[in-house]
């Protein structure tokens, strides 16, 4: 496979600790790609208004390699596989698990992380007079129900999601599960999901990524 990226400048990633930007940061560490990292307090659109000049959305992550500018964490992971010639972290289009690979990459954010963001906001981040316990509880049930696809997939004894190997699909889904533990939802994992997350977070590259910006953890004050 030929790498399409001919830019010699290392890519730059804008990152906030324990946010979605952990996905591409973890991927960069796994792949051994040289990169530059800008660590910011969360949420950067409020804490560093000049960031809006870099990313008008004000969201995290933001990735720029001089060729592409990207804001979607799972898409950045897929881009790194395809453009930086790291097929060992992806699944070939003619492989039986390619559909699972794409599905988990996209499901990780739209199906799993989305309800977690709502729960975090209305259970923890809003002032007491704006918290909405019923909304949070509804999305907790949503998240728990959406775990069923993953539970069924892992029930066959798979160590990883696709192709009998670790891929960026595991990074994408693994972050969603990691985030769920941060906001106190680990009790909703069955034994297969819990064991799967333990395998992922034991990886050396995950541990390296987790050390980047730990002093700026936006969720360390949560009372769970």
N, C-alpha and C. Protein backbone atom coordinates (compact mmCIF):
# COMPACT_ATOMS: atom_id res chain seq x y z
N UNK A 1 0.84 -1.20 0.00
CA UNK A 1 0.00 0.00 0.00
C UNK A 1 0.88 1.24 0.00
N UNK A 2 0.56 2.20 -0.82
CA UNK A 2 1.33 3.42 -0.93
C UNK A 2 0.75 4.51 -0.04
N UNK A 3 1.63 5.21 0.67
CA UNK A 3 1.18 6.33 1.48
C UNK A 3 0.87 7.51 0.58
N UNK A 4 -0.27 8.15 0.80
CA UNK A 4 -0.65 9.30 -0.01
C UNK A 4 -0.13 10.60 0.59
N UNK A 5 0.31 10.57 1.84
CA UNK A 5 0.74 11.80 2.48
C UNK A 5 2.21 12.04 2.16
N UNK A 6 2.45 13.10 1.40
CA UNK A 6 3.83 13.43 1.02
C UNK A 6 4.34 14.63 1.79
N UNK A 7 3.57 15.11 2.75
CA UNK A 7 3.99 16.24 3.56
C UNK A 7 5.02 15.79 4.59
N UNK A 8 6.12 16.50 4.68
CA UNK A 8 7.19 16.13 5.59
C UNK A 8 7.04 16.77 6.97
N UNK A 9 6.05 17.62 7.15
CA UNK A 9 5.84 18.28 8.44
C UNK A 9 5.00 17.36 9.32
N UNK A 10 5.42 17.11 10.56
CA UNK A 10 4.61 16.25 11.43
C UNK A 10 3.21 16.83 11.62
N UNK A 11 2.19 15.98 11.69
CA UNK A 11 0.84 16.47 11.93
C UNK A 11 0.73 17.08 13.33
N UNK A 12 -0.21 17.99 13.47
CA UNK A 12 -0.47 18.64 14.75
C UNK A 12 -1.86 18.27 15.23
N UNK A 13 -1.96 17.91 16.50
CA UNK A 13 -3.24 17.58 17.12
C UNK A 13 -3.49 18.52 18.28
N UNK A 14 -4.70 19.09 18.32
CA UNK A 14 -5.15 19.90 19.47
C UNK A 14 -5.97 18.97 20.36
N UNK A 15 -5.66 18.98 21.65
CA UNK A 15 -6.13 17.94 22.56
C UNK A 15 -6.56 18.53 23.89
N UNK A 16 -7.66 18.00 24.45
CA UNK A 16 -8.05 18.23 25.83
C UNK A 16 -8.11 16.88 26.53
N UNK A 17 -7.61 16.81 27.72
CA UNK A 17 -7.49 15.55 28.44
C UNK A 17 -8.84 14.86 28.59
N UNK A 18 -8.84 13.55 28.30
CA UNK A 18 -10.00 12.67 28.46
C UNK A 18 -11.19 13.02 27.57
N UNK A 19 -10.98 13.84 26.55
CA UNK A 19 -12.05 14.15 25.60
C UNK A 19 -11.88 13.29 24.35
N UNK A 20 -12.72 13.51 23.35
CA UNK A 20 -12.67 12.71 22.13
C UNK A 20 -11.31 12.73 21.46
N UNK A 21 -10.53 13.77 21.70
CA UNK A 21 -9.20 13.85 21.07
C UNK A 21 -8.27 12.76 21.56
N UNK A 22 -8.66 12.05 22.62
CA UNK A 22 -7.88 10.90 23.05
C UNK A 22 -7.82 9.84 21.95
N UNK A 23 -8.86 9.75 21.14
CA UNK A 23 -8.87 8.74 20.06
C UNK A 23 -7.68 8.94 19.11
N UNK A 24 -7.57 10.09 18.43
CA UNK A 24 -6.43 10.24 17.52
C UNK A 24 -5.08 10.28 18.23
N UNK A 25 -5.04 10.79 19.47
CA UNK A 25 -3.78 10.80 20.22
C UNK A 25 -3.32 9.37 20.49
N UNK A 26 -4.23 8.54 20.93
CA UNK A 26 -3.94 7.12 21.18
C UNK A 26 -3.49 6.45 19.88
N UNK A 27 -4.17 6.76 18.77
CA UNK A 27 -3.81 6.17 17.48
C UNK A 27 -2.39 6.58 17.06
N UNK A 28 -2.07 7.85 17.23
CA UNK A 28 -0.72 8.33 16.89
C UNK A 28 0.34 7.60 17.71
N UNK A 29 0.04 7.39 18.99
CA UNK A 29 0.98 6.68 19.85
C UNK A 29 1.11 5.22 19.43
N UNK A 30 0.01 4.58 19.10
CA UNK A 30 0.07 3.18 18.66
C UNK A 30 0.88 3.05 17.37
N UNK A 31 0.70 3.99 16.46
CA UNK A 31 1.30 3.89 15.14
C UNK A 31 2.74 4.36 15.08
N UNK A 32 3.19 5.05 16.13
CA UNK A 32 4.55 5.55 16.14
C UNK A 32 4.78 6.69 15.16
N UNK A 33 3.73 7.45 14.88
CA UNK A 33 3.84 8.59 13.98
C UNK A 33 4.32 9.80 14.78
N UNK A 34 5.32 10.48 14.28
CA UNK A 34 5.78 11.72 14.92
C UNK A 34 4.67 12.77 14.81
N UNK A 35 4.41 13.50 15.87
CA UNK A 35 3.34 14.50 15.85
C UNK A 35 3.66 15.63 16.81
N UNK A 36 2.94 16.71 16.63
CA UNK A 36 2.99 17.83 17.56
C UNK A 36 1.67 17.89 18.30
N UNK A 37 1.71 18.24 19.57
CA UNK A 37 0.51 18.23 20.39
C UNK A 37 0.33 19.58 21.08
N UNK A 38 -0.87 20.13 20.92
CA UNK A 38 -1.26 21.33 21.65
C UNK A 38 -2.31 20.91 22.67
N UNK A 39 -1.96 20.94 23.95
CA UNK A 39 -2.88 20.57 25.02
C UNK A 39 -3.52 21.82 25.59
N UNK A 40 -4.84 21.81 25.69
CA UNK A 40 -5.58 22.98 26.14
C UNK A 40 -6.54 22.61 27.25
N UNK A 41 -6.92 23.58 28.09
CA UNK A 41 -7.99 23.33 29.06
C UNK A 41 -9.33 23.22 28.36
N UNK A 42 -10.24 22.49 28.97
CA UNK A 42 -11.57 22.24 28.40
C UNK A 42 -12.60 23.16 29.06
N UNK A 43 -13.56 23.68 28.27
CA UNK A 43 -13.69 23.63 26.81
C UNK A 43 -12.92 24.77 26.17
N UNK A 44 -12.14 24.50 25.15
CA UNK A 44 -11.23 25.53 24.61
C UNK A 44 -11.94 26.73 24.01
N UNK A 45 -13.16 26.57 23.52
CA UNK A 45 -13.84 27.72 22.92
C UNK A 45 -14.16 28.79 23.95
N UNK A 46 -14.18 28.39 25.22
CA UNK A 46 -14.42 29.36 26.30
C UNK A 46 -13.12 29.75 27.02
N UNK A 47 -12.21 28.79 27.15
CA UNK A 47 -10.99 29.05 27.91
C UNK A 47 -9.89 29.68 27.06
N UNK A 48 -9.93 29.46 25.75
CA UNK A 48 -8.94 30.03 24.85
C UNK A 48 -9.65 30.47 23.57
N UNK A 49 -10.17 31.67 23.60
CA UNK A 49 -11.00 32.16 22.49
C UNK A 49 -10.22 32.22 21.18
N UNK A 50 -8.89 32.37 21.26
CA UNK A 50 -8.09 32.43 20.04
C UNK A 50 -8.08 31.11 19.28
N UNK A 51 -8.48 30.03 19.97
CA UNK A 51 -8.57 28.72 19.31
C UNK A 51 -9.58 28.75 18.17
N UNK A 52 -10.58 29.61 18.28
CA UNK A 52 -11.59 29.70 17.23
C UNK A 52 -10.98 30.14 15.90
N UNK A 53 -9.84 30.78 15.94
CA UNK A 53 -9.16 31.17 14.70
C UNK A 53 -8.57 29.94 14.01
N UNK A 54 -8.25 28.91 14.80
CA UNK A 54 -7.73 27.65 14.26
C UNK A 54 -8.87 26.74 13.84
N UNK A 55 -9.83 26.57 14.74
CA UNK A 55 -10.99 25.72 14.48
C UNK A 55 -12.24 26.53 14.78
N UNK A 56 -12.93 27.03 13.76
CA UNK A 56 -14.12 27.87 13.98
C UNK A 56 -15.22 27.18 14.78
N UNK A 57 -15.23 25.85 14.80
CA UNK A 57 -16.22 25.13 15.61
C UNK A 57 -15.92 25.21 17.09
N UNK A 58 -14.65 25.39 17.41
CA UNK A 58 -14.25 25.43 18.81
C UNK A 58 -14.25 24.07 19.48
N UNK A 59 -14.35 23.02 18.71
CA UNK A 59 -14.44 21.66 19.25
C UNK A 59 -13.07 20.99 19.30
N UNK A 60 -13.03 19.91 20.02
CA UNK A 60 -11.84 19.07 20.15
C UNK A 60 -12.23 17.66 19.69
N UNK A 61 -11.39 17.02 18.88
CA UNK A 61 -10.05 17.39 18.46
C UNK A 61 -10.04 18.29 17.24
N UNK A 62 -8.85 18.81 16.94
CA UNK A 62 -8.57 19.42 15.65
C UNK A 62 -7.23 18.86 15.19
N UNK A 63 -7.20 18.44 13.95
CA UNK A 63 -6.02 17.79 13.37
C UNK A 63 -5.64 18.51 12.10
N UNK A 64 -4.34 18.80 11.94
CA UNK A 64 -3.86 19.49 10.74
C UNK A 64 -2.50 18.92 10.37
N UNK A 65 -2.40 18.33 9.19
CA UNK A 65 -1.11 17.82 8.73
C UNK A 65 -0.59 18.58 7.53
N UNK A 66 -1.15 19.77 7.31
CA UNK A 66 -0.72 20.58 6.18
C UNK A 66 -1.43 20.23 4.89
N UNK A 67 -2.12 19.11 4.88
CA UNK A 67 -2.90 18.69 3.71
C UNK A 67 -4.38 18.67 4.05
N UNK A 68 -4.71 18.09 5.19
CA UNK A 68 -6.10 17.98 5.62
C UNK A 68 -6.26 18.58 7.01
N UNK A 69 -7.41 19.21 7.21
CA UNK A 69 -7.79 19.72 8.53
C UNK A 69 -9.07 18.99 8.92
N UNK A 70 -9.07 18.36 10.09
CA UNK A 70 -10.16 17.46 10.46
C UNK A 70 -10.58 17.71 11.90
N UNK A 71 -11.89 17.46 12.17
CA UNK A 71 -12.45 17.71 13.49
C UNK A 71 -13.11 16.47 14.11
N UNK A 72 -13.25 15.39 13.36
CA UNK A 72 -13.97 14.21 13.85
C UNK A 72 -12.99 13.13 14.28
N UNK A 73 -13.08 12.73 15.54
CA UNK A 73 -12.05 11.89 16.13
C UNK A 73 -11.90 10.53 15.45
N UNK A 74 -13.00 9.86 15.18
CA UNK A 74 -12.91 8.54 14.55
C UNK A 74 -12.45 8.66 13.10
N UNK A 75 -12.87 9.72 12.42
CA UNK A 75 -12.43 9.94 11.04
C UNK A 75 -10.93 10.18 10.98
N UNK A 76 -10.39 10.90 11.96
CA UNK A 76 -8.94 11.12 12.00
C UNK A 76 -8.21 9.80 12.13
N UNK A 77 -8.73 8.91 12.98
CA UNK A 77 -8.12 7.59 13.14
C UNK A 77 -8.10 6.83 11.83
N UNK A 78 -9.21 6.83 11.12
CA UNK A 78 -9.28 6.15 9.83
C UNK A 78 -8.32 6.80 8.83
N UNK A 79 -8.23 8.11 8.84
CA UNK A 79 -7.33 8.86 7.96
C UNK A 79 -5.88 8.45 8.22
N UNK A 80 -5.50 8.31 9.47
CA UNK A 80 -4.13 7.92 9.80
C UNK A 80 -3.81 6.55 9.24
N UNK A 81 -4.76 5.62 9.32
CA UNK A 81 -4.56 4.29 8.75
C UNK A 81 -4.34 4.37 7.24
N UNK A 82 -5.21 5.11 6.57
CA UNK A 82 -5.23 5.10 5.10
C UNK A 82 -4.14 5.97 4.49
N UNK A 83 -3.90 7.13 5.10
CA UNK A 83 -2.99 8.10 4.49
C UNK A 83 -1.56 7.96 4.98
N UNK A 84 -1.38 7.48 6.18
CA UNK A 84 -0.04 7.33 6.74
C UNK A 84 0.48 5.89 6.62
N UNK A 85 -0.19 5.11 5.78
CA UNK A 85 0.28 3.76 5.44
C UNK A 85 0.44 2.89 6.67
N UNK A 86 -0.65 2.77 7.44
CA UNK A 86 -0.65 1.94 8.64
C UNK A 86 -1.77 0.89 8.53
N UNK A 87 -1.72 0.03 7.50
CA UNK A 87 -2.81 -0.93 7.29
C UNK A 87 -2.95 -1.94 8.42
N UNK A 88 -1.90 -2.13 9.20
CA UNK A 88 -1.99 -3.09 10.30
C UNK A 88 -2.99 -2.65 11.38
N UNK A 89 -3.38 -1.37 11.35
CA UNK A 89 -4.36 -0.86 12.31
C UNK A 89 -5.76 -0.71 11.69
N UNK A 90 -5.92 -1.21 10.48
CA UNK A 90 -7.21 -1.15 9.80
C UNK A 90 -7.60 -2.53 9.29
N UNK A 91 -8.67 -2.56 8.49
CA UNK A 91 -9.15 -3.79 7.87
C UNK A 91 -9.27 -3.54 6.37
N UNK A 92 -8.74 -4.43 5.58
CA UNK A 92 -8.78 -4.28 4.13
C UNK A 92 -10.22 -4.36 3.62
N UNK A 93 -10.49 -3.64 2.53
CA UNK A 93 -11.86 -3.56 2.01
C UNK A 93 -12.38 -4.92 1.54
N UNK A 94 -11.49 -5.83 1.22
CA UNK A 94 -11.93 -7.16 0.77
C UNK A 94 -11.94 -8.19 1.89
N UNK A 95 -11.71 -7.75 3.12
CA UNK A 95 -11.70 -8.67 4.25
C UNK A 95 -13.12 -8.86 4.79
N UNK A 96 -13.44 -10.03 5.34
CA UNK A 96 -14.80 -10.30 5.82
C UNK A 96 -15.27 -9.31 6.89
N UNK A 97 -14.36 -8.79 7.71
CA UNK A 97 -14.75 -7.92 8.82
C UNK A 97 -14.76 -6.44 8.45
N UNK A 98 -14.62 -6.11 7.17
CA UNK A 98 -14.55 -4.69 6.80
C UNK A 98 -15.83 -3.94 7.18
N UNK A 99 -16.98 -4.57 7.00
CA UNK A 99 -18.24 -3.93 7.37
C UNK A 99 -18.32 -3.68 8.86
N UNK A 100 -17.91 -4.66 9.67
CA UNK A 100 -17.87 -4.47 11.12
C UNK A 100 -16.95 -3.31 11.48
N UNK A 101 -15.80 -3.27 10.82
CA UNK A 101 -14.80 -2.22 11.07
C UNK A 101 -15.39 -0.83 10.87
N UNK A 102 -16.01 -0.61 9.72
CA UNK A 102 -16.61 0.71 9.45
C UNK A 102 -17.76 0.99 10.41
N UNK A 103 -18.57 -0.04 10.68
CA UNK A 103 -19.72 0.17 11.54
C UNK A 103 -19.30 0.58 12.95
N UNK A 104 -18.29 -0.10 13.51
CA UNK A 104 -17.84 0.26 14.85
C UNK A 104 -17.16 1.62 14.88
N UNK A 105 -16.42 1.96 13.83
CA UNK A 105 -15.80 3.28 13.77
C UNK A 105 -16.85 4.38 13.88
N UNK A 106 -17.95 4.25 13.14
CA UNK A 106 -18.98 5.28 13.14
C UNK A 106 -19.92 5.16 14.34
N UNK A 107 -20.21 3.93 14.74
CA UNK A 107 -21.08 3.72 15.88
C UNK A 107 -20.46 4.26 17.16
N UNK A 108 -19.15 4.26 17.23
CA UNK A 108 -18.46 4.67 18.45
C UNK A 108 -18.84 6.08 18.89
N UNK A 109 -19.05 6.97 17.94
CA UNK A 109 -19.38 8.35 18.30
C UNK A 109 -20.87 8.62 18.21
N UNK A 110 -21.48 8.25 17.09
CA UNK A 110 -22.89 8.61 16.89
C UNK A 110 -23.84 7.84 17.80
N UNK A 111 -23.48 6.62 18.15
CA UNK A 111 -24.38 5.78 18.95
C UNK A 111 -23.95 5.68 20.41
N UNK A 112 -22.65 5.60 20.66
CA UNK A 112 -22.17 5.38 22.03
C UNK A 112 -21.76 6.67 22.74
N UNK A 113 -20.97 7.52 22.11
CA UNK A 113 -20.47 8.71 22.80
C UNK A 113 -21.52 9.81 22.89
N UNK A 114 -22.39 9.91 21.89
CA UNK A 114 -23.41 10.97 21.90
C UNK A 114 -24.24 10.99 23.19
N UNK A 115 -24.85 9.87 23.62
CA UNK A 115 -25.63 9.94 24.85
C UNK A 115 -24.79 10.26 26.07
N UNK A 116 -23.51 9.87 26.06
CA UNK A 116 -22.64 10.15 27.19
C UNK A 116 -22.42 11.65 27.37
N UNK A 117 -22.32 12.37 26.25
CA UNK A 117 -22.15 13.82 26.33
C UNK A 117 -23.38 14.48 26.94
N UNK A 118 -24.57 13.99 26.61
CA UNK A 118 -25.80 14.53 27.20
C UNK A 118 -25.86 14.23 28.70
N UNK A 119 -25.50 13.01 29.07
CA UNK A 119 -25.49 12.63 30.49
C UNK A 119 -24.51 13.50 31.26
N UNK A 120 -23.31 13.68 30.72
CA UNK A 120 -22.31 14.50 31.39
C UNK A 120 -22.83 15.91 31.63
N UNK A 121 -23.45 16.47 30.61
CA UNK A 121 -23.92 17.85 30.74
C UNK A 121 -25.01 17.98 31.79
N UNK A 122 -26.06 17.16 31.68
CA UNK A 122 -27.25 17.39 32.52
C UNK A 122 -27.20 16.67 33.86
N UNK A 123 -26.18 15.84 34.06
CA UNK A 123 -26.01 15.20 35.37
C UNK A 123 -24.90 15.86 36.18
N UNK A 124 -23.88 16.44 35.47
CA UNK A 124 -22.68 16.89 36.17
C UNK A 124 -22.29 18.34 35.91
N UNK A 125 -22.33 18.79 34.66
CA UNK A 125 -21.71 20.06 34.32
C UNK A 125 -22.60 21.28 34.53
N UNK A 126 -23.88 21.15 34.32
CA UNK A 126 -24.78 22.29 34.46
C UNK A 126 -24.88 22.71 35.94
N UNK A 127 -25.13 23.99 36.21
CA UNK A 127 -25.41 24.41 37.59
C UNK A 127 -26.61 23.63 38.13
N UNK A 128 -26.70 23.53 39.46
CA UNK A 128 -27.73 22.70 40.07
C UNK A 128 -29.13 23.06 39.58
N UNK A 129 -29.39 24.34 39.36
CA UNK A 129 -30.74 24.74 38.95
C UNK A 129 -31.02 24.44 37.49
N UNK A 130 -30.01 23.98 36.75
CA UNK A 130 -30.20 23.64 35.34
C UNK A 130 -29.98 22.16 35.07
N UNK A 131 -29.61 21.40 36.09
CA UNK A 131 -29.48 19.96 35.90
C UNK A 131 -30.85 19.35 35.61
N UNK A 132 -30.85 18.32 34.77
CA UNK A 132 -32.09 17.67 34.37
C UNK A 132 -31.95 16.16 34.61
N UNK A 133 -32.20 15.70 35.83
CA UNK A 133 -32.01 14.28 36.16
C UNK A 133 -32.80 13.34 35.27
N UNK A 134 -34.03 13.73 34.89
CA UNK A 134 -34.83 12.83 34.06
C UNK A 134 -34.21 12.66 32.67
N UNK A 135 -33.67 13.76 32.14
CA UNK A 135 -33.00 13.67 30.84
C UNK A 135 -31.77 12.77 30.95
N UNK A 136 -30.98 12.98 31.99
CA UNK A 136 -29.78 12.16 32.18
C UNK A 136 -30.14 10.69 32.32
N UNK A 137 -31.15 10.38 33.11
CA UNK A 137 -31.54 8.99 33.31
C UNK A 137 -32.04 8.36 32.01
N UNK A 138 -32.75 9.15 31.21
CA UNK A 138 -33.22 8.64 29.92
C UNK A 138 -32.07 8.28 29.00
N UNK A 139 -31.03 9.12 28.99
CA UNK A 139 -29.89 8.84 28.13
C UNK A 139 -28.99 7.74 28.69
N UNK A 140 -29.02 7.53 30.00
CA UNK A 140 -28.32 6.38 30.56
C UNK A 140 -28.96 5.09 30.06
N UNK A 141 -30.30 5.07 30.03
CA UNK A 141 -30.98 3.89 29.48
C UNK A 141 -30.67 3.73 28.00
N UNK A 142 -30.62 4.85 27.27
CA UNK A 142 -30.26 4.84 25.85
C UNK A 142 -28.89 4.17 25.69
N UNK A 143 -27.91 4.66 26.44
CA UNK A 143 -26.54 4.13 26.33
C UNK A 143 -26.50 2.65 26.64
N UNK A 144 -27.16 2.25 27.72
CA UNK A 144 -27.16 0.84 28.12
C UNK A 144 -27.75 -0.04 27.02
N UNK A 145 -28.82 0.43 26.39
CA UNK A 145 -29.44 -0.34 25.31
C UNK A 145 -28.53 -0.42 24.09
N UNK A 146 -27.80 0.67 23.83
CA UNK A 146 -26.93 0.70 22.64
C UNK A 146 -25.67 -0.14 22.83
N UNK A 147 -25.41 -0.60 24.04
CA UNK A 147 -24.28 -1.49 24.27
C UNK A 147 -24.56 -2.91 23.77
N UNK A 148 -25.81 -3.22 23.48
CA UNK A 148 -26.17 -4.60 23.16
C UNK A 148 -25.46 -5.13 21.93
N UNK A 149 -25.27 -4.28 20.93
CA UNK A 149 -24.58 -4.72 19.72
C UNK A 149 -23.15 -5.12 20.06
N UNK A 150 -22.49 -4.30 20.87
CA UNK A 150 -21.13 -4.60 21.28
C UNK A 150 -21.09 -5.86 22.15
N UNK A 151 -22.02 -5.97 23.06
CA UNK A 151 -22.08 -7.16 23.93
C UNK A 151 -22.21 -8.44 23.11
N UNK A 152 -23.11 -8.41 22.15
CA UNK A 152 -23.32 -9.59 21.30
C UNK A 152 -22.07 -9.91 20.50
N UNK A 153 -21.41 -8.88 19.99
CA UNK A 153 -20.21 -9.06 19.17
C UNK A 153 -19.08 -9.69 19.98
N UNK A 154 -18.93 -9.25 21.23
CA UNK A 154 -17.84 -9.75 22.07
C UNK A 154 -18.17 -11.10 22.70
N UNK A 155 -19.43 -11.48 22.70
CA UNK A 155 -19.83 -12.72 23.36
C UNK A 155 -19.29 -13.96 22.67
N UNK A 156 -18.79 -13.81 21.45
CA UNK A 156 -18.23 -14.94 20.69
C UNK A 156 -16.80 -15.24 21.08
N UNK A 157 -16.25 -14.49 22.04
CA UNK A 157 -14.89 -14.74 22.49
C UNK A 157 -13.84 -13.90 21.80
N UNK A 158 -14.26 -12.91 21.05
CA UNK A 158 -13.31 -12.03 20.37
C UNK A 158 -12.49 -11.24 21.39
N UNK A 159 -11.19 -11.14 21.16
CA UNK A 159 -10.35 -10.25 21.98
C UNK A 159 -10.45 -8.81 21.50
N UNK A 160 -10.60 -8.65 20.18
CA UNK A 160 -10.75 -7.33 19.57
C UNK A 160 -11.93 -7.37 18.61
N UNK A 161 -12.30 -6.23 18.07
CA UNK A 161 -13.56 -6.13 17.34
C UNK A 161 -13.52 -6.74 15.95
N UNK A 162 -12.39 -6.60 15.26
CA UNK A 162 -12.38 -6.95 13.83
C UNK A 162 -11.08 -7.64 13.45
N UNK A 163 -11.19 -8.64 12.60
CA UNK A 163 -10.02 -9.24 11.99
C UNK A 163 -9.07 -9.93 12.94
N UNK A 164 -9.50 -10.27 14.13
CA UNK A 164 -8.65 -10.93 15.12
C UNK A 164 -7.39 -10.13 15.43
N UNK A 165 -7.52 -8.79 15.42
CA UNK A 165 -6.37 -7.94 15.74
C UNK A 165 -6.86 -6.59 16.25
N UNK A 166 -5.97 -5.87 16.89
CA UNK A 166 -6.26 -4.53 17.38
C UNK A 166 -6.27 -3.56 16.21
N UNK A 167 -7.34 -2.76 16.09
CA UNK A 167 -7.46 -1.76 15.03
C UNK A 167 -7.95 -0.45 15.62
N UNK A 168 -8.04 0.56 14.75
CA UNK A 168 -8.55 1.85 15.22
C UNK A 168 -10.03 1.77 15.59
N UNK A 169 -10.73 0.73 15.16
CA UNK A 169 -12.11 0.52 15.63
C UNK A 169 -12.11 0.28 17.14
N UNK A 170 -11.11 -0.43 17.63
CA UNK A 170 -10.99 -0.65 19.07
C UNK A 170 -10.68 0.66 19.80
N UNK A 171 -9.87 1.49 19.19
CA UNK A 171 -9.59 2.80 19.78
C UNK A 171 -10.86 3.63 19.86
N UNK A 172 -11.62 3.63 18.77
CA UNK A 172 -12.83 4.45 18.71
C UNK A 172 -13.86 4.01 19.74
N UNK A 173 -14.14 2.72 19.80
CA UNK A 173 -15.10 2.20 20.77
C UNK A 173 -14.52 2.24 22.18
N UNK A 174 -13.23 1.94 22.29
CA UNK A 174 -12.58 1.95 23.59
C UNK A 174 -12.69 3.30 24.27
N UNK A 175 -12.56 4.38 23.50
CA UNK A 175 -12.70 5.70 24.13
C UNK A 175 -14.11 5.89 24.69
N UNK A 176 -15.12 5.47 23.95
CA UNK A 176 -16.50 5.61 24.43
C UNK A 176 -16.68 4.89 25.76
N UNK A 177 -16.13 3.69 25.86
CA UNK A 177 -16.24 2.94 27.11
C UNK A 177 -15.44 3.60 28.22
N UNK A 178 -14.26 4.08 27.90
CA UNK A 178 -13.44 4.80 28.88
C UNK A 178 -14.18 6.03 29.40
N UNK A 179 -14.80 6.78 28.51
CA UNK A 179 -15.55 7.97 28.89
C UNK A 179 -16.73 7.60 29.78
N UNK A 180 -17.38 6.48 29.48
CA UNK A 180 -18.50 6.03 30.30
C UNK A 180 -18.05 5.75 31.73
N UNK A 181 -16.84 5.21 31.89
CA UNK A 181 -16.36 4.96 33.24
C UNK A 181 -16.10 6.27 33.99
N UNK A 182 -15.65 7.29 33.26
CA UNK A 182 -15.37 8.59 33.88
C UNK A 182 -16.63 9.17 34.51
N UNK A 183 -17.78 8.98 33.85
CA UNK A 183 -19.01 9.57 34.35
C UNK A 183 -19.86 8.57 35.13
N UNK A 184 -19.24 7.47 35.55
CA UNK A 184 -19.87 6.58 36.49
C UNK A 184 -20.82 5.54 35.94
N UNK A 185 -20.60 5.09 34.71
CA UNK A 185 -21.53 4.14 34.09
C UNK A 185 -20.93 2.76 33.89
N UNK A 186 -19.81 2.48 34.51
CA UNK A 186 -19.18 1.18 34.31
C UNK A 186 -20.08 0.03 34.76
N UNK A 187 -20.96 0.30 35.69
CA UNK A 187 -21.86 -0.75 36.19
C UNK A 187 -22.79 -1.27 35.11
N UNK A 188 -22.89 -0.55 34.00
CA UNK A 188 -23.75 -0.98 32.90
C UNK A 188 -23.03 -1.92 31.93
N UNK A 189 -21.74 -2.18 32.15
CA UNK A 189 -20.99 -3.09 31.30
C UNK A 189 -21.19 -4.53 31.78
N UNK A 190 -21.37 -5.45 30.85
CA UNK A 190 -21.35 -6.85 31.25
C UNK A 190 -19.90 -7.32 31.32
N UNK A 191 -19.67 -8.57 31.67
CA UNK A 191 -18.31 -9.04 31.90
C UNK A 191 -17.46 -9.01 30.63
N UNK A 192 -18.07 -9.28 29.47
CA UNK A 192 -17.31 -9.25 28.22
C UNK A 192 -16.82 -7.84 27.91
N UNK A 193 -17.70 -6.86 28.08
CA UNK A 193 -17.33 -5.47 27.80
C UNK A 193 -16.29 -4.99 28.80
N UNK A 194 -16.45 -5.33 30.07
CA UNK A 194 -15.47 -4.93 31.09
C UNK A 194 -14.10 -5.51 30.80
N UNK A 195 -14.05 -6.79 30.44
CA UNK A 195 -12.77 -7.43 30.13
C UNK A 195 -12.14 -6.80 28.88
N UNK A 196 -12.97 -6.50 27.90
CA UNK A 196 -12.48 -5.86 26.67
C UNK A 196 -11.85 -4.51 26.99
N UNK A 197 -12.51 -3.69 27.78
CA UNK A 197 -11.96 -2.38 28.12
C UNK A 197 -10.66 -2.53 28.92
N UNK A 198 -10.59 -3.49 29.81
CA UNK A 198 -9.37 -3.72 30.57
C UNK A 198 -8.20 -4.06 29.65
N UNK A 199 -8.46 -4.87 28.62
CA UNK A 199 -7.40 -5.19 27.65
C UNK A 199 -6.92 -3.93 26.93
N UNK A 200 -7.85 -3.08 26.55
CA UNK A 200 -7.48 -1.88 25.80
C UNK A 200 -6.68 -0.91 26.66
N UNK A 201 -7.14 -0.66 27.86
CA UNK A 201 -6.49 0.34 28.70
C UNK A 201 -5.17 -0.16 29.28
N UNK A 202 -4.89 -1.44 29.14
CA UNK A 202 -3.60 -1.97 29.57
C UNK A 202 -2.51 -1.76 28.53
N UNK A 203 -2.89 -1.30 27.34
CA UNK A 203 -1.92 -1.12 26.27
C UNK A 203 -0.97 0.04 26.59
N UNK A 204 0.29 -0.17 26.25
CA UNK A 204 1.31 0.84 26.55
C UNK A 204 1.00 2.17 25.88
N UNK A 205 0.54 2.13 24.64
CA UNK A 205 0.25 3.37 23.92
C UNK A 205 -0.90 4.14 24.56
N UNK A 206 -1.90 3.42 25.07
CA UNK A 206 -2.99 4.09 25.78
C UNK A 206 -2.44 4.80 27.01
N UNK A 207 -1.58 4.14 27.76
CA UNK A 207 -1.02 4.73 28.97
C UNK A 207 -0.18 5.96 28.64
N UNK A 208 0.57 5.89 27.54
CA UNK A 208 1.35 7.06 27.13
C UNK A 208 0.44 8.23 26.78
N UNK A 209 -0.62 7.93 26.03
CA UNK A 209 -1.56 8.99 25.63
C UNK A 209 -2.22 9.62 26.86
N UNK A 210 -2.54 8.80 27.85
CA UNK A 210 -3.22 9.29 29.04
C UNK A 210 -2.35 10.21 29.89
N UNK A 211 -1.05 10.19 29.69
CA UNK A 211 -0.17 11.07 30.45
C UNK A 211 -0.10 12.48 29.87
N UNK A 212 -0.62 12.65 28.66
CA UNK A 212 -0.53 13.95 27.99
C UNK A 212 -1.64 14.88 28.50
N UNK A 213 -1.28 15.86 29.28
CA UNK A 213 -2.26 16.85 29.74
C UNK A 213 -3.04 16.43 30.96
N UNK A 214 -2.53 15.45 31.71
CA UNK A 214 -3.28 14.96 32.87
C UNK A 214 -3.56 16.06 33.88
N UNK A 215 -2.67 17.04 33.95
CA UNK A 215 -2.86 18.12 34.92
C UNK A 215 -4.05 19.01 34.58
N UNK A 216 -4.58 18.86 33.36
CA UNK A 216 -5.73 19.66 32.92
C UNK A 216 -7.00 18.83 32.82
N UNK A 217 -7.09 17.75 33.57
CA UNK A 217 -8.25 16.87 33.52
C UNK A 217 -9.52 17.66 33.85
N UNK A 218 -10.46 17.80 32.89
CA UNK A 218 -11.66 18.60 33.15
C UNK A 218 -12.69 17.88 34.00
N UNK A 219 -12.51 16.57 34.21
CA UNK A 219 -13.54 15.79 34.90
C UNK A 219 -13.10 15.30 36.28
N UNK A 220 -11.94 15.73 36.75
CA UNK A 220 -11.42 15.20 38.01
C UNK A 220 -12.27 15.63 39.21
N UNK A 221 -13.05 16.68 39.05
CA UNK A 221 -13.86 17.16 40.17
C UNK A 221 -15.26 16.55 40.21
N UNK A 222 -15.57 15.65 39.25
CA UNK A 222 -16.90 15.08 39.23
C UNK A 222 -17.15 14.24 40.48
N UNK A 223 -18.34 14.40 41.02
CA UNK A 223 -18.75 13.58 42.15
C UNK A 223 -19.66 12.50 41.59
N UNK A 224 -19.17 11.26 41.53
CA UNK A 224 -19.90 10.19 40.85
C UNK A 224 -20.59 9.30 41.85
